[in-house]
Each structure stands twice: as C-alpha cells, then as structure tokens.
C-alpha cells in the first residue's frame, strides 16, 4: 500500500500555461511597439504654415466671391462652342487681373491656363471647339480693386 501523504504531489500545467501566455503577450506588445517606432510618419509637410496661409487666402477669396451682389456667370453655349465668363456689375470700372484655369480631372496633359481679360462689358468669350469632350473644371482666380476672388465650376463639354 502506498501512503498518499508520502507520494509526490501532482504538478499542474496551469501555472506554466498562464506564465507562458503572459510572456507571449509581452513579446507581442514589445514587437508592436518596436514596429511602430520604426515607422516613418510624415503627416505634416515642411512648409505646412505657408500651405495653411494659402488655403486660408483661397477660402477668403471664395467667400468674397460668394458675397458679391450678383454671381460671376460661367455659361457654356454648346451650339456655338463658346464659354462666356461674365463678371458682376459690382466690379465694373475696376482693373481686373487674373487667370482662367481649365483642369481636366481625367487627363493632366489637357490642362491649360488663359489670362482673364474681360472686355468693357465685363465679359470674356472663350472658344471651346478644340477642347476634348468630357468633364472640365474651370477655375477663375482674379483680383479686382485690390481684393482676391476665386470661383470654381464644373463644365461638361459634349
């Protein structure tokens, strides 16, 4: 007969399993921290402040354009292949300088810029017959009376 008090105690696997889980968890967290520290994060550009100023100036110009008593008109006449830009009467008599940017979202090679040169009636007509059909983004970026204005409008040519 064996005496149960003299037999060696049975060892349980649970303490070793719990310790192994903690060690593996710590190793996993350590590897994740190491990987995160090695990742290069460039969320801010070197000239972030200048870009923010330019963006704020653009937003001010958009707000100033929206606050005009009458809107800047951009009308396309498909039959005659003409794009008419008309500035509001509030800008009459002021020296207007600026550019008209034509952006083609699907093909950067088709982008081009023209000077904004309205006639005495505050209109400028642009021939669109040589422009490729599809979506164009027209951006008017101009100054009048020392104030900057900006308008962006989508245009679909057939």
N, C-alpha and C. Protein backbone atom coordinates (compact mmCIF):
# COMPACT_ATOMS: atom_id res chain seq x y z
N UNK A 1 0.80 -1.17 0.00
CA UNK A 1 0.00 0.00 0.00
C UNK A 1 0.85 1.24 0.00
N UNK A 2 0.42 2.19 -0.73
CA UNK A 2 1.19 3.43 -0.78
C UNK A 2 0.50 4.46 0.09
N UNK A 3 1.32 5.19 0.72
CA UNK A 3 0.82 6.24 1.59
C UNK A 3 0.64 7.50 0.74
N UNK A 4 -0.63 8.00 0.66
CA UNK A 4 -0.85 9.20 -0.15
C UNK A 4 -0.10 10.42 0.37
N UNK A 5 0.21 10.45 1.62
CA UNK A 5 0.92 11.60 2.17
C UNK A 5 2.37 11.59 1.73
N UNK A 6 2.92 10.42 1.40
CA UNK A 6 4.31 10.32 1.01
C UNK A 6 4.52 10.39 -0.50
N UNK A 7 3.46 10.27 -1.32
CA UNK A 7 3.62 10.32 -2.76
C UNK A 7 3.89 11.76 -3.21
N UNK A 8 4.69 11.91 -4.26
CA UNK A 8 4.98 13.27 -4.71
C UNK A 8 3.70 13.96 -5.22
N UNK A 9 3.57 15.24 -4.95
CA UNK A 9 2.36 15.95 -5.41
C UNK A 9 2.32 16.02 -6.93
N UNK A 10 1.11 15.96 -7.48
CA UNK A 10 0.94 16.07 -8.92
C UNK A 10 1.12 17.53 -9.32
N UNK A 11 1.89 17.73 -10.37
CA UNK A 11 2.12 19.10 -10.84
C UNK A 11 1.04 19.46 -11.85
N UNK A 12 0.53 20.68 -11.70
CA UNK A 12 -0.49 21.18 -12.61
C UNK A 12 0.19 21.95 -13.74
N UNK A 13 -0.37 21.89 -14.91
CA UNK A 13 0.15 22.59 -16.08
C UNK A 13 -0.31 24.06 -16.08
N UNK A 14 -1.35 24.39 -15.39
CA UNK A 14 -1.95 25.73 -15.45
C UNK A 14 -1.00 26.86 -15.07
N UNK A 15 -0.21 26.76 -14.02
CA UNK A 15 0.69 27.89 -13.73
C UNK A 15 1.67 28.16 -14.87
N UNK A 16 2.18 27.09 -15.48
CA UNK A 16 3.10 27.27 -16.60
C UNK A 16 2.39 27.87 -17.82
N UNK A 17 1.18 27.44 -18.06
CA UNK A 17 0.41 27.97 -19.20
C UNK A 17 0.13 29.46 -19.01
N UNK A 18 -0.24 29.84 -17.79
CA UNK A 18 -0.53 31.27 -17.52
C UNK A 18 0.73 32.11 -17.69
N UNK A 19 1.85 31.62 -17.20
CA UNK A 19 3.10 32.36 -17.34
C UNK A 19 3.49 32.45 -18.82
N UNK A 20 3.30 31.38 -19.56
CA UNK A 20 3.63 31.38 -20.99
C UNK A 20 2.76 32.39 -21.74
N UNK A 21 1.48 32.46 -21.41
CA UNK A 21 0.59 33.42 -22.07
C UNK A 21 1.04 34.84 -21.78
N UNK A 22 1.39 35.15 -20.54
CA UNK A 22 1.87 36.50 -20.20
C UNK A 22 3.17 36.83 -20.93
N UNK A 23 4.08 35.88 -21.02
CA UNK A 23 5.35 36.12 -21.71
C UNK A 23 5.11 36.34 -23.20
N UNK A 24 4.26 35.52 -23.82
CA UNK A 24 3.95 35.70 -25.23
C UNK A 24 3.25 37.03 -25.49
N UNK A 25 2.33 37.40 -24.60
CA UNK A 25 1.63 38.69 -24.75
C UNK A 25 2.62 39.85 -24.66
N UNK A 26 3.53 39.81 -23.69
CA UNK A 26 4.53 40.87 -23.53
C UNK A 26 5.44 40.93 -24.76
N UNK A 27 5.82 39.77 -25.31
CA UNK A 27 6.66 39.76 -26.50
C UNK A 27 5.91 40.36 -27.69
N UNK A 28 4.62 40.05 -27.82
CA UNK A 28 3.80 40.61 -28.91
C UNK A 28 3.70 42.12 -28.79
N UNK A 29 3.40 42.61 -27.61
CA UNK A 29 3.30 44.06 -27.40
C UNK A 29 4.64 44.72 -27.66
N UNK A 30 5.73 44.11 -27.20
CA UNK A 30 7.06 44.66 -27.46
C UNK A 30 7.37 44.74 -28.94
N UNK A 31 7.00 43.72 -29.70
CA UNK A 31 7.26 43.75 -31.14
C UNK A 31 6.39 44.81 -31.82
N UNK A 32 5.16 44.99 -31.37
CA UNK A 32 4.30 46.03 -31.95
C UNK A 32 4.85 47.43 -31.66
N UNK A 33 5.33 47.65 -30.45
CA UNK A 33 5.92 48.95 -30.10
C UNK A 33 7.17 49.19 -30.95
N UNK A 34 8.00 48.18 -31.12
CA UNK A 34 9.20 48.31 -31.93
C UNK A 34 8.84 48.65 -33.38
N UNK A 35 7.85 47.95 -33.93
CA UNK A 35 7.42 48.22 -35.31
C UNK A 35 6.86 49.63 -35.44
N UNK A 36 6.09 50.08 -34.46
CA UNK A 36 5.52 51.43 -34.50
C UNK A 36 6.62 52.49 -34.42
N UNK A 37 7.65 52.23 -33.66
CA UNK A 37 8.74 53.21 -33.53
C UNK A 37 9.58 53.28 -34.80
N UNK A 38 9.60 52.22 -35.59
CA UNK A 38 10.39 52.19 -36.82
C UNK A 38 9.64 52.80 -38.01
N UNK A 39 8.34 53.00 -37.90
CA UNK A 39 7.53 53.52 -38.99
C UNK A 39 7.71 55.03 -39.08
N UNK A 40 8.03 55.50 -40.29
CA UNK A 40 8.20 56.93 -40.53
C UNK A 40 6.83 57.54 -40.84
N UNK A 41 6.44 58.53 -40.06
CA UNK A 41 5.14 59.17 -40.22
C UNK A 41 5.36 60.61 -40.66
N UNK A 42 4.94 60.92 -41.89
CA UNK A 42 5.08 62.27 -42.42
C UNK A 42 3.69 62.84 -42.66
N UNK A 43 3.03 63.25 -41.61
CA UNK A 43 1.70 63.82 -41.76
C UNK A 43 1.74 65.32 -42.04
N UNK A 44 2.82 65.97 -41.70
CA UNK A 44 2.92 67.42 -41.86
C UNK A 44 4.05 67.71 -42.82
N UNK A 45 3.77 68.56 -43.81
CA UNK A 45 4.80 68.93 -44.77
C UNK A 45 5.74 69.96 -44.16
N UNK A 46 6.87 70.15 -44.80
CA UNK A 46 7.86 71.09 -44.30
C UNK A 46 7.35 72.52 -44.32
N UNK A 47 6.53 72.85 -45.32
CA UNK A 47 6.01 74.22 -45.43
C UNK A 47 4.52 74.25 -45.06
N UNK A 48 4.18 73.56 -44.01
CA UNK A 48 2.78 73.46 -43.58
C UNK A 48 2.18 74.84 -43.31
N UNK A 49 2.91 75.70 -42.65
CA UNK A 49 2.38 77.02 -42.31
C UNK A 49 2.06 77.82 -43.57
N UNK A 50 2.95 77.79 -44.57
CA UNK A 50 2.71 78.50 -45.82
C UNK A 50 1.50 77.92 -46.54
N UNK A 51 1.36 76.60 -46.54
CA UNK A 51 0.21 75.97 -47.18
C UNK A 51 -1.09 76.36 -46.48
N UNK A 52 -1.05 76.45 -45.17
CA UNK A 52 -2.25 76.84 -44.42
C UNK A 52 -2.63 78.28 -44.73
N UNK A 53 -1.65 79.16 -44.85
CA UNK A 53 -1.94 80.56 -45.22
C UNK A 53 -2.54 80.64 -46.61
N UNK A 54 -1.99 79.90 -47.55
CA UNK A 54 -2.51 79.91 -48.92
C UNK A 54 -3.94 79.36 -48.94
N UNK A 55 -4.19 78.31 -48.18
CA UNK A 55 -5.54 77.74 -48.13
C UNK A 55 -6.52 78.74 -47.52
N UNK A 56 -6.10 79.42 -46.46
CA UNK A 56 -6.98 80.41 -45.84
C UNK A 56 -7.25 81.58 -46.78
N UNK A 57 -6.25 82.00 -47.52
CA UNK A 57 -6.45 83.07 -48.50
C UNK A 57 -7.42 82.63 -49.59
N UNK A 58 -7.32 81.37 -50.03
CA UNK A 58 -8.24 80.84 -51.04
C UNK A 58 -9.67 80.82 -50.49
N UNK A 59 -9.84 80.39 -49.24
CA UNK A 59 -11.18 80.35 -48.63
C UNK A 59 -11.76 81.76 -48.48
N UNK A 60 -10.90 82.72 -48.15
CA UNK A 60 -11.35 84.12 -48.06
C UNK A 60 -11.80 84.62 -49.44
N UNK A 61 -11.05 84.27 -50.49
CA UNK A 61 -11.40 84.69 -51.85
C UNK A 61 -12.71 84.04 -52.28
N UNK A 62 -12.93 82.78 -51.93
CA UNK A 62 -14.19 82.10 -52.26
C UNK A 62 -15.36 82.78 -51.54
N UNK A 63 -15.17 83.11 -50.27
CA UNK A 63 -16.22 83.78 -49.51
C UNK A 63 -16.52 85.16 -50.08
N UNK A 64 -15.46 85.87 -50.49
CA UNK A 64 -15.64 87.21 -51.07
C UNK A 64 -16.40 87.12 -52.40
N UNK A 65 -16.12 86.09 -53.18
CA UNK A 65 -16.82 85.90 -54.46
C UNK A 65 -18.30 85.57 -54.21
N UNK A 66 -18.57 84.74 -53.22
CA UNK A 66 -19.96 84.39 -52.90
C UNK A 66 -20.73 85.58 -52.34
N UNK A 67 -20.02 86.53 -51.75
CA UNK A 67 -20.69 87.70 -51.15
C UNK A 67 -20.96 88.82 -52.15
N UNK A 68 -20.53 88.66 -53.40
CA UNK A 68 -20.81 89.69 -54.40
C UNK A 68 -22.32 89.82 -54.59
N UNK A 69 -22.81 91.04 -54.90
CA UNK A 69 -24.25 91.23 -55.05
C UNK A 69 -24.86 90.36 -56.16
N UNK A 70 -24.09 90.11 -57.20
CA UNK A 70 -24.53 89.24 -58.30
C UNK A 70 -23.43 88.22 -58.53
N UNK A 71 -23.78 87.02 -58.91
CA UNK A 71 -22.74 86.00 -59.07
C UNK A 71 -21.91 86.19 -60.34
N UNK A 72 -20.72 85.62 -60.33
CA UNK A 72 -19.91 85.56 -61.54
C UNK A 72 -20.55 84.48 -62.42
N UNK A 73 -20.83 84.83 -63.67
CA UNK A 73 -21.53 83.91 -64.57
C UNK A 73 -20.52 83.15 -65.43
N UNK A 74 -20.69 81.84 -65.49
CA UNK A 74 -19.92 80.98 -66.39
C UNK A 74 -20.95 80.20 -67.19
N UNK A 75 -21.12 80.57 -68.47
CA UNK A 75 -22.14 79.94 -69.32
C UNK A 75 -21.50 79.29 -70.52
N UNK A 76 -21.92 78.06 -70.79
CA UNK A 76 -21.42 77.36 -71.97
C UNK A 76 -22.55 77.26 -72.98
N UNK A 77 -22.23 77.61 -74.22
CA UNK A 77 -23.19 77.51 -75.32
C UNK A 77 -22.68 76.42 -76.25
N UNK A 78 -23.19 75.19 -76.11
CA UNK A 78 -22.66 74.07 -76.90
C UNK A 78 -22.81 74.25 -78.40
N UNK A 79 -23.89 74.88 -78.84
CA UNK A 79 -24.11 75.02 -80.29
C UNK A 79 -23.02 75.86 -80.95
N UNK A 80 -22.58 76.90 -80.27
CA UNK A 80 -21.57 77.79 -80.86
C UNK A 80 -20.16 77.53 -80.31
N UNK A 81 -20.01 76.53 -79.44
CA UNK A 81 -18.71 76.20 -78.84
C UNK A 81 -18.08 77.41 -78.17
N UNK A 82 -18.89 78.09 -77.35
CA UNK A 82 -18.40 79.27 -76.66
C UNK A 82 -18.63 79.14 -75.17
N UNK A 83 -17.66 79.60 -74.41
CA UNK A 83 -17.77 79.70 -72.97
C UNK A 83 -17.71 81.18 -72.63
N UNK A 84 -18.76 81.69 -72.01
CA UNK A 84 -18.83 83.11 -71.68
C UNK A 84 -18.63 83.29 -70.19
N UNK A 85 -17.66 84.11 -69.83
CA UNK A 85 -17.40 84.47 -68.45
C UNK A 85 -17.88 85.91 -68.27
N UNK A 86 -18.74 86.14 -67.31
CA UNK A 86 -19.26 87.48 -67.09
C UNK A 86 -19.11 87.86 -65.63
N UNK A 87 -18.40 88.97 -65.40
CA UNK A 87 -18.21 89.47 -64.05
C UNK A 87 -19.40 90.34 -63.66
N UNK A 88 -19.75 90.39 -62.39
CA UNK A 88 -20.90 91.19 -61.97
C UNK A 88 -20.65 92.70 -62.10
N UNK A 89 -21.74 93.44 -62.13
CA UNK A 89 -21.67 94.90 -62.29
C UNK A 89 -20.94 95.56 -61.12
N UNK A 90 -20.90 94.91 -59.98
CA UNK A 90 -20.21 95.48 -58.81
C UNK A 90 -18.71 95.66 -59.08
N UNK A 91 -18.17 94.93 -60.03
CA UNK A 91 -16.75 95.03 -60.35
C UNK A 91 -16.48 95.94 -61.55
N UNK A 92 -17.51 96.61 -62.05
CA UNK A 92 -17.36 97.50 -63.21
C UNK A 92 -16.44 98.66 -62.84
N UNK A 93 -15.59 99.01 -63.77
CA UNK A 93 -14.68 100.14 -63.58
C UNK A 93 -13.44 99.79 -62.78
N UNK A 94 -13.33 98.59 -62.29
CA UNK A 94 -12.14 98.19 -61.53
C UNK A 94 -11.21 97.41 -62.45
N UNK A 95 -9.92 97.59 -62.23
CA UNK A 95 -8.93 96.85 -63.01
C UNK A 95 -8.97 95.39 -62.57
N UNK A 96 -9.24 94.52 -63.52
CA UNK A 96 -9.34 93.09 -63.23
C UNK A 96 -8.14 92.39 -63.85
N UNK A 97 -7.45 91.63 -63.02
CA UNK A 97 -6.32 90.83 -63.48
C UNK A 97 -6.49 89.43 -62.92
N UNK A 98 -6.20 88.44 -63.75
CA UNK A 98 -6.31 87.08 -63.25
C UNK A 98 -6.12 86.06 -64.34
N UNK A 99 -6.49 84.84 -63.98
CA UNK A 99 -6.32 83.73 -64.90
C UNK A 99 -7.54 82.83 -64.86
N UNK A 100 -7.74 82.13 -65.96
CA UNK A 100 -8.77 81.12 -66.07
C UNK A 100 -8.04 79.79 -66.24
N UNK A 101 -8.20 78.90 -65.27
CA UNK A 101 -7.54 77.59 -65.33
C UNK A 101 -8.56 76.55 -65.79
N UNK A 102 -8.18 75.76 -66.75
CA UNK A 102 -9.01 74.66 -67.22
C UNK A 102 -8.31 73.35 -66.82
N UNK A 103 -8.96 72.63 -65.91
CA UNK A 103 -8.40 71.36 -65.43
C UNK A 103 -9.24 70.22 -65.93
N UNK A 104 -8.57 69.22 -66.46
CA UNK A 104 -9.25 68.01 -66.91
C UNK A 104 -8.91 66.91 -65.89
N UNK A 105 -9.85 66.55 -65.00
CA UNK A 105 -9.53 65.57 -63.95
C UNK A 105 -9.04 64.22 -64.48
N UNK A 106 -9.47 63.84 -65.68
CA UNK A 106 -9.09 62.54 -66.20
C UNK A 106 -7.77 62.54 -66.98
N UNK A 107 -7.25 63.72 -67.32
CA UNK A 107 -6.02 63.77 -68.11
C UNK A 107 -5.29 65.08 -67.85
N UNK A 108 -4.25 65.01 -67.05
CA UNK A 108 -3.49 66.20 -66.67
C UNK A 108 -2.85 66.89 -67.88
N UNK A 109 -2.56 66.13 -68.92
CA UNK A 109 -1.91 66.69 -70.10
C UNK A 109 -2.79 67.70 -70.83
N UNK A 110 -4.09 67.65 -70.62
CA UNK A 110 -5.00 68.58 -71.30
C UNK A 110 -5.21 69.89 -70.54
N UNK A 111 -4.70 70.00 -69.32
CA UNK A 111 -4.86 71.22 -68.52
C UNK A 111 -4.18 72.40 -69.22
N UNK A 112 -4.82 73.56 -69.10
CA UNK A 112 -4.21 74.79 -69.64
C UNK A 112 -4.76 75.99 -68.90
N UNK A 113 -4.08 77.12 -69.07
CA UNK A 113 -4.44 78.37 -68.40
C UNK A 113 -4.47 79.49 -69.41
N UNK A 114 -5.48 80.35 -69.27
CA UNK A 114 -5.61 81.54 -70.12
C UNK A 114 -5.69 82.77 -69.22
N UNK A 115 -5.23 83.92 -69.73
CA UNK A 115 -5.39 85.14 -68.93
C UNK A 115 -6.85 85.59 -68.92
N UNK A 116 -7.29 86.12 -67.80
CA UNK A 116 -8.64 86.67 -67.70
C UNK A 116 -8.55 88.11 -68.19
N UNK A 117 -9.20 88.38 -69.33
CA UNK A 117 -9.17 89.71 -69.93
C UNK A 117 -10.58 90.10 -70.34
N UNK A 118 -11.42 90.50 -69.39
CA UNK A 118 -12.78 90.86 -69.76
C UNK A 118 -12.81 92.17 -70.55
N UNK A 119 -13.77 92.25 -71.47
CA UNK A 119 -13.96 93.48 -72.27
C UNK A 119 -14.65 94.52 -71.39
N UNK A 120 -14.98 95.64 -71.98
CA UNK A 120 -15.63 96.74 -71.25
C UNK A 120 -16.98 96.32 -70.68
N UNK A 121 -17.64 95.34 -71.32
CA UNK A 121 -18.94 94.88 -70.81
C UNK A 121 -18.77 93.79 -69.75
N UNK A 122 -17.54 93.61 -69.23
CA UNK A 122 -17.19 92.65 -68.18
C UNK A 122 -17.32 91.20 -68.63
N UNK A 123 -17.27 90.96 -69.93
CA UNK A 123 -17.40 89.61 -70.48
C UNK A 123 -16.13 89.19 -71.20
N UNK A 124 -15.90 87.89 -71.16
CA UNK A 124 -14.83 87.29 -71.95
C UNK A 124 -15.39 86.02 -72.55
N UNK A 125 -15.16 85.86 -73.84
CA UNK A 125 -15.66 84.68 -74.56
C UNK A 125 -14.48 83.81 -74.93
N UNK A 126 -14.59 82.53 -74.64
CA UNK A 126 -13.53 81.56 -74.91
C UNK A 126 -14.08 80.49 -75.84
N UNK A 127 -13.35 80.19 -76.90
CA UNK A 127 -13.75 79.17 -77.86
C UNK A 127 -13.43 77.79 -77.27
N UNK A 128 -14.43 76.90 -77.25
CA UNK A 128 -14.24 75.56 -76.69
C UNK A 128 -14.23 74.47 -77.76
N UNK A 129 -14.17 74.85 -79.03
CA UNK A 129 -14.26 73.84 -80.10
C UNK A 129 -13.08 72.88 -80.10
N UNK A 130 -11.91 73.30 -79.65
CA UNK A 130 -10.74 72.43 -79.67
C UNK A 130 -10.52 71.70 -78.35
N UNK A 131 -11.40 71.92 -77.40
CA UNK A 131 -11.28 71.22 -76.11
C UNK A 131 -11.93 69.84 -76.22
N UNK A 132 -11.30 68.86 -75.60
CA UNK A 132 -11.81 67.48 -75.65
C UNK A 132 -13.15 67.39 -74.91
N UNK A 133 -14.07 66.60 -75.42
CA UNK A 133 -15.35 66.43 -74.72
C UNK A 133 -15.15 65.74 -73.38
N UNK A 134 -16.02 66.06 -72.45
CA UNK A 134 -15.96 65.45 -71.11
C UNK A 134 -16.00 66.50 -70.03
N UNK A 135 -15.64 66.08 -68.83
CA UNK A 135 -15.69 66.95 -67.65
C UNK A 135 -14.45 67.83 -67.58
N UNK A 136 -14.68 69.11 -67.38
CA UNK A 136 -13.62 70.10 -67.17
C UNK A 136 -13.95 70.84 -65.88
N UNK A 137 -12.93 71.27 -65.19
CA UNK A 137 -13.11 72.11 -64.00
C UNK A 137 -12.53 73.47 -64.34
N UNK A 138 -13.40 74.49 -64.35
CA UNK A 138 -12.99 75.85 -64.69
C UNK A 138 -12.79 76.62 -63.39
N UNK A 139 -11.61 77.22 -63.24
CA UNK A 139 -11.30 78.00 -62.05
C UNK A 139 -10.94 79.42 -62.46
N UNK A 140 -11.70 80.37 -61.94
CA UNK A 140 -11.41 81.79 -62.16
C UNK A 140 -10.69 82.29 -60.91
N UNK A 141 -9.49 82.76 -61.09
CA UNK A 141 -8.68 83.27 -59.99
C UNK A 141 -8.26 84.68 -60.39
N UNK A 142 -8.87 85.70 -59.76
CA UNK A 142 -8.60 87.07 -60.20
C UNK A 142 -8.65 88.04 -59.04
N UNK A 143 -8.11 89.23 -59.30
CA UNK A 143 -8.16 90.33 -58.34
C UNK A 143 -8.84 91.51 -59.00
N UNK A 144 -9.59 92.22 -58.21
CA UNK A 144 -10.27 93.44 -58.67
C UNK A 144 -10.34 94.39 -57.49
N UNK A 145 -9.88 95.61 -57.70
CA UNK A 145 -9.90 96.59 -56.62
C UNK A 145 -9.05 96.17 -55.43
N UNK A 146 -7.98 95.44 -55.67
CA UNK A 146 -7.10 95.02 -54.59
C UNK A 146 -7.61 93.83 -53.79
N UNK A 147 -8.74 93.27 -54.17
CA UNK A 147 -9.32 92.12 -53.48
C UNK A 147 -9.21 90.87 -54.36
N UNK A 148 -8.93 89.75 -53.73
CA UNK A 148 -8.81 88.49 -54.47
C UNK A 148 -10.18 87.81 -54.52
N UNK A 149 -10.47 87.20 -55.66
CA UNK A 149 -11.71 86.46 -55.88
C UNK A 149 -11.37 85.10 -56.50
N UNK A 150 -12.21 84.11 -56.21
CA UNK A 150 -11.99 82.78 -56.76
C UNK A 150 -13.32 82.08 -56.96
N UNK A 151 -13.47 81.46 -58.12
CA UNK A 151 -14.67 80.69 -58.43
C UNK A 151 -14.25 79.41 -59.13
N UNK A 152 -14.85 78.31 -58.72
CA UNK A 152 -14.60 77.03 -59.38
C UNK A 152 -15.93 76.44 -59.79
N UNK A 153 -15.99 76.01 -61.05
CA UNK A 153 -17.24 75.45 -61.57
C UNK A 153 -16.92 74.31 -62.52
N UNK A 154 -17.71 73.25 -62.43
CA UNK A 154 -17.55 72.12 -63.35
C UNK A 154 -18.29 72.41 -64.64
N UNK A 155 -17.71 71.92 -65.73
CA UNK A 155 -18.26 72.15 -67.06
C UNK A 155 -18.14 70.84 -67.82
N UNK A 156 -19.23 70.41 -68.46
CA UNK A 156 -19.21 69.20 -69.26
C UNK A 156 -19.38 69.57 -70.72
N UNK A 157 -18.38 69.23 -71.51
CA UNK A 157 -18.44 69.51 -72.95
C UNK A 157 -18.88 68.25 -73.68
N UNK A 158 -19.70 68.43 -74.70
CA UNK A 158 -20.18 67.29 -75.49
C UNK A 158 -19.42 67.20 -76.79
